[in-house]
């Protein structure tokens, strides 16, 4: 998988690290700081992942009522991994949508 790329040229990497957006595209020079999405990606991920996790935890509890440690083993890795994965995807999508709206 190539990972998120520049919304203008599709060549330069969007991220420097796991969740750090690069200041500009290494290929076409697009300034990514203009496309800052703020905390909107974080809020969206918290709402989506929180609803899914709580729903699944309640369903599991209602169906088989497992010991507490099962919930910890299941939901903590799901929330941490899901947050990182979803933040990368949602932040890249929001940046692309922002670019489409303000592109010269």
PDB file of N, CA and C in Angstrom:
ATOM      1  N   UNK A   1       0.837  -1.177   0.000  1.00  0.00           N
ATOM      2  CA  UNK A   1       0.000   0.000   0.000  1.00  0.00           C
ATOM      3  C   UNK A   1       0.887   1.247   0.000  1.00  0.00           C
ATOM      4  N   UNK A   2       0.575   2.191  -0.857  1.00  0.00           N
ATOM      5  CA  UNK A   2       1.383   3.385  -1.011  1.00  0.00           C
ATOM      6  C   UNK A   2       1.172   4.402   0.092  1.00  0.00           C
ATOM      7  N   UNK A   3       0.032   4.431   0.683  1.00  0.00           N
ATOM      8  CA  UNK A   3      -0.258   5.422   1.699  1.00  0.00           C
ATOM      9  C   UNK A   3      -0.810   6.695   1.077  1.00  0.00           C
ATOM     10  N   UNK A   4      -1.306   7.590   1.910  1.00  0.00           N
ATOM     11  CA  UNK A   4      -1.894   8.834   1.414  1.00  0.00           C
ATOM     12  C   UNK A   4      -0.874   9.683   0.661  1.00  0.00           C
ATOM     13  N   UNK A   5      -1.299  10.231  -0.450  1.00  0.00           N
ATOM     14  CA  UNK A   5      -0.442  11.047  -1.306  1.00  0.00           C
ATOM     15  C   UNK A   5      -1.014  12.454  -1.461  1.00  0.00           C
ATOM     16  N   UNK A   6      -0.245  13.300  -2.074  1.00  0.00           N
ATOM     17  CA  UNK A   6      -0.620  14.692  -2.334  1.00  0.00           C
ATOM     18  C   UNK A   6      -1.919  14.739  -3.138  1.00  0.00           C
ATOM     19  N   UNK A   7      -2.883  15.588  -2.728  1.00  0.00           N
ATOM     20  CA  UNK A   7      -4.145  15.656  -3.472  1.00  0.00           C
ATOM     21  C   UNK A   7      -4.002  16.302  -4.851  1.00  0.00           C
ATOM     22  N   UNK A   8      -2.939  17.079  -5.076  1.00  0.00           N
ATOM     23  CA  UNK A   8      -2.777  17.727  -6.379  1.00  0.00           C
ATOM     24  C   UNK A   8      -2.108  16.809  -7.392  1.00  0.00           C
ATOM     25  N   UNK A   9      -0.916  16.281  -7.045  1.00  0.00           N
ATOM     26  CA  UNK A   9      -0.155  15.506  -8.032  1.00  0.00           C
ATOM     27  C   UNK A   9      -0.272  13.997  -7.834  1.00  0.00           C
ATOM     28  N   UNK A  10      -0.626  13.547  -6.634  1.00  0.00           N
ATOM     29  CA  UNK A  10      -0.733  12.118  -6.364  1.00  0.00           C
ATOM     30  C   UNK A  10       0.603  11.414  -6.217  1.00  0.00           C
ATOM     31  N   UNK A  11       1.688  12.180  -6.130  1.00  0.00           N
ATOM     32  CA  UNK A  11       3.026  11.580  -6.050  1.00  0.00           C
ATOM     33  C   UNK A  11       3.662  11.726  -4.663  1.00  0.00           C
ATOM     34  N   UNK A  12       3.714  12.951  -4.137  1.00  0.00           N
ATOM     35  CA  UNK A  12       4.378  13.206  -2.862  1.00  0.00           C
ATOM     36  C   UNK A  12       3.611  12.628  -1.687  1.00  0.00           C
ATOM     37  N   UNK A  13       4.353  12.225  -0.656  1.00  0.00           N
ATOM     38  CA  UNK A  13       3.726  11.669   0.542  1.00  0.00           C
ATOM     39  C   UNK A  13       3.042  12.768   1.343  1.00  0.00           C
ATOM     40  N   UNK A  14       1.881  12.443   1.900  1.00  0.00           N
ATOM     41  CA  UNK A  14       1.125  13.390   2.706  1.00  0.00           C
ATOM     42  C   UNK A  14       1.651  13.439   4.139  1.00  0.00           C
ATOM     43  N   UNK A  15       2.146  12.322   4.645  1.00  0.00           N
ATOM     44  CA  UNK A  15       2.597  12.237   6.032  1.00  0.00           C
ATOM     45  C   UNK A  15       4.106  12.112   6.132  1.00  0.00           C
ATOM     46  N   UNK A  16       4.678  12.753   7.154  1.00  0.00           N
ATOM     47  CA  UNK A  16       6.087  12.583   7.486  1.00  0.00           C
ATOM     48  C   UNK A  16       6.280  11.348   8.359  1.00  0.00           C
ATOM     49  N   UNK A  17       5.395  11.176   9.326  1.00  0.00           N
ATOM     50  CA  UNK A  17       5.451  10.048  10.242  1.00  0.00           C
ATOM     51  C   UNK A  17       4.127   9.319  10.241  1.00  0.00           C
ATOM     52  N   UNK A  18       3.743   8.838  11.407  1.00  0.00           N
ATOM     53  CA  UNK A  18       2.491   8.096  11.502  1.00  0.00           C
ATOM     54  C   UNK A  18       1.292   9.022  11.319  1.00  0.00           C
ATOM     55  N   UNK A  19       1.267  10.153  12.028  1.00  0.00           N
ATOM     56  CA  UNK A  19       0.136  11.070  11.934  1.00  0.00           C
ATOM     57  C   UNK A  19       0.541  12.519  11.658  1.00  0.00           C
ATOM     58  N   UNK A  20       1.821  12.766  11.418  1.00  0.00           N
ATOM     59  CA  UNK A  20       2.308  14.123  11.180  1.00  0.00           C
ATOM     60  C   UNK A  20       2.223  14.463   9.700  1.00  0.00           C
ATOM     61  N   UNK A  21       1.425  15.477   9.380  1.00  0.00           N
ATOM     62  CA  UNK A  21       1.279  15.901   7.991  1.00  0.00           C
ATOM     63  C   UNK A  21       2.533  16.675   7.593  1.00  0.00           C
ATOM     64  N   UNK A  22       3.051  16.372   6.407  1.00  0.00           N
ATOM     65  CA  UNK A  22       4.234  17.063   5.884  1.00  0.00           C
ATOM     66  C   UNK A  22       3.895  18.539   5.644  1.00  0.00           C
ATOM     67  N   UNK A  23       4.885  19.429   5.744  1.00  0.00           N
ATOM     68  CA  UNK A  23       4.607  20.847   5.492  1.00  0.00           C
ATOM     69  C   UNK A  23       4.279  21.145   4.027  1.00  0.00           C
ATOM     70  N   UNK A  24       4.876  20.378   3.117  1.00  0.00           N
ATOM     71  CA  UNK A  24       4.592  20.566   1.690  1.00  0.00           C
ATOM     72  C   UNK A  24       4.904  19.290   0.927  1.00  0.00           C
ATOM     73  N   UNK A  25       4.353  19.199  -0.269  1.00  0.00           N
ATOM     74  CA  UNK A  25       4.571  18.037  -1.130  1.00  0.00           C
ATOM     75  C   UNK A  25       6.001  18.065  -1.657  1.00  0.00           C
ATOM     76  N   UNK A  26       6.676  16.935  -1.597  1.00  0.00           N
ATOM     77  CA  UNK A  26       8.046  16.861  -2.095  1.00  0.00           C
ATOM     78  C   UNK A  26       8.097  16.816  -3.614  1.00  0.00           C
ATOM     79  N   UNK A  27       6.990  16.540  -4.240  1.00  0.00           N
ATOM     80  CA  UNK A  27       6.956  16.425  -5.691  1.00  0.00           C
ATOM     81  C   UNK A  27       6.535  17.732  -6.378  1.00  0.00           C
ATOM     82  N   UNK A  28       5.374  18.270  -5.987  1.00  0.00           N
ATOM     83  CA  UNK A  28       4.859  19.467  -6.671  1.00  0.00           C
ATOM     84  C   UNK A  28       4.961  20.731  -5.833  1.00  0.00           C
ATOM     85  N   UNK A  29       5.314  20.613  -4.554  1.00  0.00           N
ATOM     86  CA  UNK A  29       5.490  21.781  -3.701  1.00  0.00           C
ATOM     87  C   UNK A  29       4.221  22.350  -3.098  1.00  0.00           C
ATOM     88  N   UNK A  30       3.089  21.649  -3.188  1.00  0.00           N
ATOM     89  CA  UNK A  30       1.839  22.132  -2.603  1.00  0.00           C
ATOM     90  C   UNK A  30       2.012  22.338  -1.104  1.00  0.00           C
ATOM     91  N   UNK A  31       1.612  23.492  -0.624  1.00  0.00           N
ATOM     92  CA  UNK A  31       1.719  23.834   0.786  1.00  0.00           C
ATOM     93  C   UNK A  31       0.562  23.182   1.549  1.00  0.00           C
ATOM     94  N   UNK A  32       0.881  22.143   2.334  1.00  0.00           N
ATOM     95  CA  UNK A  32      -0.149  21.429   3.084  1.00  0.00           C
ATOM     96  C   UNK A  32      -0.634  22.219   4.301  1.00  0.00           C
ATOM     97  N   UNK A  33       0.132  23.221   4.737  1.00  0.00           N
ATOM     98  CA  UNK A  33      -0.302  24.000   5.895  1.00  0.00           C
ATOM     99  C   UNK A  33      -1.572  24.792   5.575  1.00  0.00           C
ATOM    100  N   UNK A  34      -1.800  25.116   4.316  1.00  0.00           N
ATOM    101  CA  UNK A  34      -3.046  25.785   3.898  1.00  0.00           C
ATOM    102  C   UNK A  34      -4.246  24.864   4.035  1.00  0.00           C
ATOM    103  N   UNK A  35      -4.004  23.574   4.025  1.00  0.00           N
ATOM    104  CA  UNK A  35      -5.080  22.582   4.040  1.00  0.00           C
ATOM    105  C   UNK A  35      -5.321  21.990   5.424  1.00  0.00           C
ATOM    106  N   UNK A  36      -4.912  22.715   6.462  1.00  0.00           N
ATOM    107  CA  UNK A  36      -5.041  22.224   7.830  1.00  0.00           C
ATOM    108  C   UNK A  36      -6.512  21.957   8.166  1.00  0.00           C
ATOM    109  N   UNK A  37      -6.783  20.774   8.672  1.00  0.00           N
ATOM    110  CA  UNK A  37      -8.156  20.399   9.011  1.00  0.00           C
ATOM    111  C   UNK A  37      -8.461  20.576  10.496  1.00  0.00           C
ATOM    112  N   UNK A  38      -7.481  21.016  11.270  1.00  0.00           N
ATOM    113  CA  UNK A  38      -7.695  21.228  12.705  1.00  0.00           C
ATOM    114  C   UNK A  38      -7.996  19.918  13.420  1.00  0.00           C
ATOM    115  N   UNK A  39      -8.943  19.982  14.328  1.00  0.00           N
ATOM    116  CA  UNK A  39      -9.316  18.801  15.120  1.00  0.00           C
ATOM    117  C   UNK A  39     -10.531  18.075  14.564  1.00  0.00           C
ATOM    118  N   UNK A  40     -10.956  18.424  13.370  1.00  0.00           N
ATOM    119  CA  UNK A  40     -12.166  17.798  12.826  1.00  0.00           C
ATOM    120  C   UNK A  40     -11.987  16.297  12.620  1.00  0.00           C
ATOM    121  N   UNK A  41     -10.807  15.869  12.181  1.00  0.00           N
ATOM    122  CA  UNK A  41     -10.565  14.438  11.986  1.00  0.00           C
ATOM    123  C   UNK A  41     -10.618  13.704  13.324  1.00  0.00           C
ATOM    124  N   UNK A  42     -10.027  14.294  14.344  1.00  0.00           N
ATOM    125  CA  UNK A  42     -10.010  13.669  15.664  1.00  0.00           C
ATOM    126  C   UNK A  42     -11.426  13.525  16.211  1.00  0.00           C
ATOM    127  N   UNK A  43     -12.209  14.573  16.101  1.00  0.00           N
ATOM    128  CA  UNK A  43     -13.589  14.509  16.590  1.00  0.00           C
ATOM    129  C   UNK A  43     -14.407  13.453  15.872  1.00  0.00           C
ATOM    130  N   UNK A  44     -14.250  13.384  14.566  1.00  0.00           N
ATOM    131  CA  UNK A  44     -14.989  12.398  13.779  1.00  0.00           C
ATOM    132  C   UNK A  44     -14.589  10.969  14.147  1.00  0.00           C
ATOM    133  N   UNK A  45     -13.299  10.745  14.313  1.00  0.00           N
ATOM    134  CA  UNK A  45     -12.812   9.407  14.674  1.00  0.00           C
ATOM    135  C   UNK A  45     -13.286   9.020  16.071  1.00  0.00           C
ATOM    136  N   UNK A  46     -13.236   9.946  17.009  1.00  0.00           N
ATOM    137  CA  UNK A  46     -13.691   9.655  18.376  1.00  0.00           C
ATOM    138  C   UNK A  46     -15.160   9.257  18.373  1.00  0.00           C
ATOM    139  N   UNK A  47     -15.969  10.006  17.650  1.00  0.00           N
ATOM    140  CA  UNK A  47     -17.401   9.686  17.605  1.00  0.00           C
ATOM    141  C   UNK A  47     -17.673   8.343  16.936  1.00  0.00           C
ATOM    142  N   UNK A  48     -17.054   8.107  15.790  1.00  0.00           N
ATOM    143  CA  UNK A  48     -17.291   6.852  15.069  1.00  0.00           C
ATOM    144  C   UNK A  48     -16.763   5.639  15.824  1.00  0.00           C
ATOM    145  N   UNK A  49     -15.492   5.698  16.201  1.00  0.00           N
ATOM    146  CA  UNK A  49     -14.874   4.553  16.865  1.00  0.00           C
ATOM    147  C   UNK A  49     -15.480   4.324  18.252  1.00  0.00           C
ATOM    148  N   UNK A  50     -15.814   5.399  18.944  1.00  0.00           N
ATOM    149  CA  UNK A  50     -16.450   5.259  20.259  1.00  0.00           C
ATOM    150  C   UNK A  50     -17.790   4.567  20.161  1.00  0.00           C
ATOM    151  N   UNK A  51     -18.596   4.965  19.179  1.00  0.00           N
ATOM    152  CA  UNK A  51     -19.912   4.342  19.011  1.00  0.00           C
ATOM    153  C   UNK A  51     -19.792   2.864  18.666  1.00  0.00           C
ATOM    154  N   UNK A  52     -18.878   2.539  17.760  1.00  0.00           N
ATOM    155  CA  UNK A  52     -18.696   1.139  17.356  1.00  0.00           C
ATOM    156  C   UNK A  52     -18.174   0.307  18.529  1.00  0.00           C
ATOM    157  N   UNK A  53     -17.182   0.816  19.241  1.00  0.00           N
ATOM    158  CA  UNK A  53     -16.590   0.068  20.347  1.00  0.00           C
ATOM    159  C   UNK A  53     -17.592  -0.154  21.480  1.00  0.00           C
ATOM    160  N   UNK A  54     -18.293   0.887  21.857  1.00  0.00           N
ATOM    161  CA  UNK A  54     -19.282   0.746  22.943  1.00  0.00           C
ATOM    162  C   UNK A  54     -20.398  -0.201  22.522  1.00  0.00           C
ATOM    163  N   UNK A  55     -20.852  -0.083  21.281  1.00  0.00           N
ATOM    164  CA  UNK A  55     -21.892  -0.984  20.793  1.00  0.00           C
ATOM    165  C   UNK A  55     -21.456  -2.437  20.817  1.00  0.00           C
ATOM    166  N   UNK A  56     -20.240  -2.689  20.348  1.00  0.00           N
ATOM    167  CA  UNK A  56     -19.726  -4.063  20.353  1.00  0.00           C
ATOM    168  C   UNK A  56     -19.492  -4.578  21.771  1.00  0.00           C
ATOM    169  N   UNK A  57     -19.021  -3.721  22.671  1.00  0.00           N
ATOM    170  CA  UNK A  57     -18.792  -4.140  24.062  1.00  0.00           C
ATOM    171  C   UNK A  57     -20.113  -4.493  24.742  1.00  0.00           C
ATOM    172  N   UNK A  58     -21.132  -3.694  24.497  1.00  0.00           N
ATOM    173  CA  UNK A  58     -22.453  -3.984  25.084  1.00  0.00           C
ATOM    174  C   UNK A  58     -23.022  -5.277  24.507  1.00  0.00           C
ATOM    175  N   UNK A  59     -22.868  -5.460  23.210  1.00  0.00           N
ATOM    176  CA  UNK A  59     -23.352  -6.685  22.571  1.00  0.00           C
ATOM    177  C   UNK A  59     -22.637  -7.914  23.126  1.00  0.00           C
ATOM    178  N   UNK A  60     -21.315  -7.834  23.255  1.00  0.00           N
ATOM    179  CA  UNK A  60     -20.549  -8.955  23.804  1.00  0.00           C
ATOM    180  C   UNK A  60     -20.979  -9.254  25.235  1.00  0.00           C
ATOM    181  N   UNK A  61     -21.159  -8.206  26.021  1.00  0.00           N
ATOM    182  CA  UNK A  61     -21.577  -8.386  27.412  1.00  0.00           C
ATOM    183  C   UNK A  61     -22.963  -9.023  27.495  1.00  0.00           C
ATOM    184  N   UNK A  62     -23.853  -8.607  26.622  1.00  0.00           N
ATOM    185  CA  UNK A  62     -25.219  -9.145  26.644  1.00  0.00           C
ATOM    186  C   UNK A  62     -25.258 -10.600  26.171  1.00  0.00           C
ATOM    187  N   UNK A  63     -24.416 -10.953  25.205  1.00  0.00           N
ATOM    188  CA  UNK A  63     -24.458 -12.304  24.652  1.00  0.00           C
ATOM    189  C   UNK A  63     -23.756 -13.340  25.517  1.00  0.00           C
ATOM    190  N   UNK A  64     -22.544 -13.040  25.951  1.00  0.00           N
ATOM    191  CA  UNK A  64     -21.806 -14.086  26.670  1.00  0.00           C
ATOM    192  C   UNK A  64     -21.284 -13.665  28.037  1.00  0.00           C
ATOM    193  N   UNK A  65     -21.405 -12.406  28.406  1.00  0.00           N
ATOM    194  CA  UNK A  65     -20.990 -11.896  29.713  1.00  0.00           C
ATOM    195  C   UNK A  65     -19.601 -12.403  30.111  1.00  0.00           C
ATOM    196  N   UNK A  66     -18.567 -12.015  29.353  1.00  0.00           N
ATOM    197  CA  UNK A  66     -17.214 -12.502  29.651  1.00  0.00           C
ATOM    198  C   UNK A  66     -16.619 -11.794  30.863  1.00  0.00           C
ATOM    199  N   UNK A  67     -15.534 -12.338  31.418  1.00  0.00           N
ATOM    200  CA  UNK A  67     -14.853 -11.653  32.524  1.00  0.00           C
ATOM    201  C   UNK A  67     -14.320 -10.287  32.053  1.00  0.00           C
ATOM    202  N   UNK A  68     -14.047  -9.418  33.006  1.00  0.00           N
ATOM    203  CA  UNK A  68     -13.615  -8.064  32.697  1.00  0.00           C
ATOM    204  C   UNK A  68     -12.328  -8.030  31.865  1.00  0.00           C
ATOM    205  N   UNK A  69     -11.396  -8.958  32.151  1.00  0.00           N
ATOM    206  CA  UNK A  69     -10.116  -8.948  31.440  1.00  0.00           C
ATOM    207  C   UNK A  69     -10.292  -9.177  29.941  1.00  0.00           C
ATOM    208  N   UNK A  70     -11.344  -9.876  29.546  1.00  0.00           N
ATOM    209  CA  UNK A  70     -11.613 -10.104  28.122  1.00  0.00           C
ATOM    210  C   UNK A  70     -11.924  -8.770  27.440  1.00  0.00           C
ATOM    211  N   UNK A  71     -12.686  -7.937  28.116  1.00  0.00           N
ATOM    212  CA  UNK A  71     -12.987  -6.619  27.564  1.00  0.00           C
ATOM    213  C   UNK A  71     -11.703  -5.802  27.387  1.00  0.00           C
ATOM    214  N   UNK A  72     -10.834  -5.861  28.373  1.00  0.00           N
ATOM    215  CA  UNK A  72      -9.571  -5.104  28.289  1.00  0.00           C
ATOM    216  C   UNK A  72      -8.722  -5.616  27.127  1.00  0.00           C
ATOM    217  N   UNK A  73      -8.602  -6.929  27.007  1.00  0.00           N
ATOM    218  CA  UNK A  73      -7.782  -7.520  25.943  1.00  0.00           C
ATOM    219  C   UNK A  73      -8.356  -7.217  24.562  1.00  0.00           C
ATOM    220  N   UNK A  74      -9.653  -7.164  24.434  1.00  0.00           N
ATOM    221  CA  UNK A  74     -10.286  -6.900  23.142  1.00  0.00           C
ATOM    222  C   UNK A  74     -10.306  -5.423  22.770  1.00  0.00           C
ATOM    223  N   UNK A  75     -10.780  -4.580  23.671  1.00  0.00           N
ATOM    224  CA  UNK A  75     -11.120  -3.207  23.291  1.00  0.00           C
ATOM    225  C   UNK A  75      -9.948  -2.243  23.308  1.00  0.00           C
ATOM    226  N   UNK A  76      -8.976  -2.430  24.191  1.00  0.00           N
ATOM    227  CA  UNK A  76      -7.835  -1.501  24.212  1.00  0.00           C
ATOM    228  C   UNK A  76      -7.036  -1.571  22.915  1.00  0.00           C
ATOM    229  N   UNK A  77      -6.630  -2.763  22.437  1.00  0.00           N
ATOM    230  CA  UNK A  77      -5.917  -2.791  21.150  1.00  0.00           C
ATOM    231  C   UNK A  77      -6.785  -2.316  19.984  1.00  0.00           C
ATOM    232  N   UNK A  78      -8.075  -2.636  20.013  1.00  0.00           N
ATOM    233  CA  UNK A  78      -8.972  -2.191  18.946  1.00  0.00           C
ATOM    234  C   UNK A  78      -9.045  -0.664  18.898  1.00  0.00           C
ATOM    235  N   UNK A  79      -9.170  -0.044  20.045  1.00  0.00           N
ATOM    236  CA  UNK A  79      -9.278   1.409  20.092  1.00  0.00           C
ATOM    237  C   UNK A  79      -7.968   2.077  19.676  1.00  0.00           C
ATOM    238  N   UNK A  80      -6.839   1.583  20.163  1.00  0.00           N
ATOM    239  CA  UNK A  80      -5.549   2.192  19.807  1.00  0.00           C
ATOM    240  C   UNK A  80      -5.252   2.004  18.322  1.00  0.00           C
ATOM    241  N   UNK A  81      -5.347   0.781  17.838  1.00  0.00           N
ATOM    242  CA  UNK A  81      -5.085   0.522  16.421  1.00  0.00           C
ATOM    243  C   UNK A  81      -6.090   1.193  15.507  1.00  0.00           C
ATOM    244  N   UNK A  82      -7.360   1.133  15.889  1.00  0.00           N
ATOM    245  CA  UNK A  82      -8.398   1.766  15.086  1.00  0.00           C
ATOM    246  C   UNK A  82      -8.252   3.269  15.023  1.00  0.00           C
ATOM    247  N   UNK A  83      -7.832   3.873  16.135  1.00  0.00           N
ATOM    248  CA  UNK A  83      -7.633   5.324  16.158  1.00  0.00           C
ATOM    249  C   UNK A  83      -6.532   5.744  15.199  1.00  0.00           C
ATOM    250  N   UNK A  84      -5.415   5.070  15.249  1.00  0.00           N
ATOM    251  CA  UNK A  84      -4.297   5.429  14.366  1.00  0.00           C
ATOM    252  C   UNK A  84      -4.677   5.211  12.909  1.00  0.00           C
ATOM    253  N   UNK A  85      -5.249   4.076  12.609  1.00  0.00           N
ATOM    254  CA  UNK A  85      -5.638   3.786  11.229  1.00  0.00           C
ATOM    255  C   UNK A  85      -6.692   4.772  10.721  1.00  0.00           C
ATOM    256  N   UNK A  86      -7.746   4.957  11.504  1.00  0.00           N
ATOM    257  CA  UNK A  86      -8.818   5.857  11.076  1.00  0.00           C
ATOM    258  C   UNK A  86      -8.364   7.311  11.000  1.00  0.00           C
ATOM    259  N   UNK A  87      -7.494   7.742  11.923  1.00  0.00           N
ATOM    260  CA  UNK A  87      -7.013   9.122  11.858  1.00  0.00           C
ATOM    261  C   UNK A  87      -6.237   9.377  10.576  1.00  0.00           C
ATOM    262  N   UNK A  88      -5.416   8.419  10.162  1.00  0.00           N
ATOM    263  CA  UNK A  88      -4.669   8.596   8.911  1.00  0.00           C
ATOM    264  C   UNK A  88      -5.624   8.712   7.720  1.00  0.00           C
ATOM    265  N   UNK A  89      -6.609   7.845   7.684  1.00  0.00           N
ATOM    266  CA  UNK A  89      -7.544   7.834   6.556  1.00  0.00           C
ATOM    267  C   UNK A  89      -8.442   9.069   6.560  1.00  0.00           C
ATOM    268  N   UNK A  90      -9.025   9.388   7.708  1.00  0.00           N
ATOM    269  CA  UNK A  90      -9.958  10.510   7.788  1.00  0.00           C
ATOM    270  C   UNK A  90      -9.234  11.840   7.574  1.00  0.00           C
ATOM    271  N   UNK A  91      -8.042  11.987   8.157  1.00  0.00           N
ATOM    272  CA  UNK A  91      -7.292  13.225   7.974  1.00  0.00           C
ATOM    273  C   UNK A  91      -6.909  13.411   6.501  1.00  0.00           C
ATOM    274  N   UNK A  92      -6.465  12.347   5.844  1.00  0.00           N
ATOM    275  CA  UNK A  92      -6.127  12.434   4.415  1.00  0.00           C
ATOM    276  C   UNK A  92      -7.365  12.765   3.587  1.00  0.00           C
ATOM    277  N   UNK A  93      -8.494  12.162   3.905  1.00  0.00           N
ATOM    278  CA  UNK A  93      -9.727  12.437   3.170  1.00  0.00           C
ATOM    279  C   UNK A  93     -10.160  13.888   3.355  1.00  0.00           C
ATOM    280  N   UNK A  94     -10.093  14.388   4.600  1.00  0.00           N
ATOM    281  CA  UNK A  94     -10.477  15.771   4.849  1.00  0.00           C
ATOM    282  C   UNK A  94      -9.545  16.758   4.154  1.00  0.00           C
ATOM    283  N   UNK A  95      -8.254  16.458   4.118  1.00  0.00           N
ATOM    284  CA  UNK A  95      -7.308  17.319   3.412  1.00  0.00           C
ATOM    285  C   UNK A  95      -7.621  17.326   1.920  1.00  0.00           C
ATOM    286  N   UNK A  96      -7.921  16.165   1.363  1.00  0.00           N
ATOM    287  CA  UNK A  96      -8.275  16.091  -0.061  1.00  0.00           C
ATOM    288  C   UNK A  96      -9.557  16.870  -0.349  1.00  0.00           C
ATOM    289  N   UNK A  97     -10.553  16.772   0.529  1.00  0.00           N
ATOM    290  CA  UNK A  97     -11.790  17.513   0.340  1.00  0.00           C
ATOM    291  C   UNK A  97     -11.560  19.018   0.465  1.00  0.00           C
ATOM    292  N   UNK A  98     -10.724  19.398   1.415  1.00  0.00           N
ATOM    293  CA  UNK A  98     -10.382  20.802   1.592  1.00  0.00           C
ATOM    294  C   UNK A  98      -9.663  21.319   0.346  1.00  0.00           C
ATOM    295  N   UNK A  99      -8.750  20.541  -0.203  1.00  0.00           N
ATOM    296  CA  UNK A  99      -8.039  20.936  -1.422  1.00  0.00           C
ATOM    297  C   UNK A  99      -9.007  21.133  -2.586  1.00  0.00           C
ATOM    298  N   UNK A 100      -9.954  20.229  -2.725  1.00  0.00           N
ATOM    299  CA  UNK A 100     -10.935  20.344  -3.810  1.00  0.00           C
ATOM    300  C   UNK A 100     -11.749  21.628  -3.720  1.00  0.00           C
ATOM    301  N   UNK A 101     -12.011  22.083  -2.487  1.00  0.00           N
ATOM    302  CA  UNK A 101     -12.832  23.278  -2.287  1.00  0.00           C
ATOM    303  C   UNK A 101     -12.058  24.574  -2.491  1.00  0.00           C
ATOM    304  N   UNK A 102     -10.746  24.586  -2.142  1.00  0.00           N
ATOM    305  CA  UNK A 102      -9.987  25.841  -2.215  1.00  0.00           C
ATOM    306  C   UNK A 102      -8.937  25.871  -3.311  1.00  0.00           C
ATOM    307  N   UNK A 103      -8.858  24.812  -4.103  1.00  0.00           N
ATOM    308  CA  UNK A 103      -7.820  24.752  -5.137  1.00  0.00           C
ATOM    309  C   UNK A 103      -7.970  25.930  -6.111  1.00  0.00           C
ATOM    310  N   UNK A 104      -6.835  26.533  -6.491  1.00  0.00           N
ATOM    311  CA  UNK A 104      -6.877  27.670  -7.416  1.00  0.00           C
ATOM    312  C   UNK A 104      -7.311  27.279  -8.810  1.00  0.00           C
TER     313      UNK A 104
END
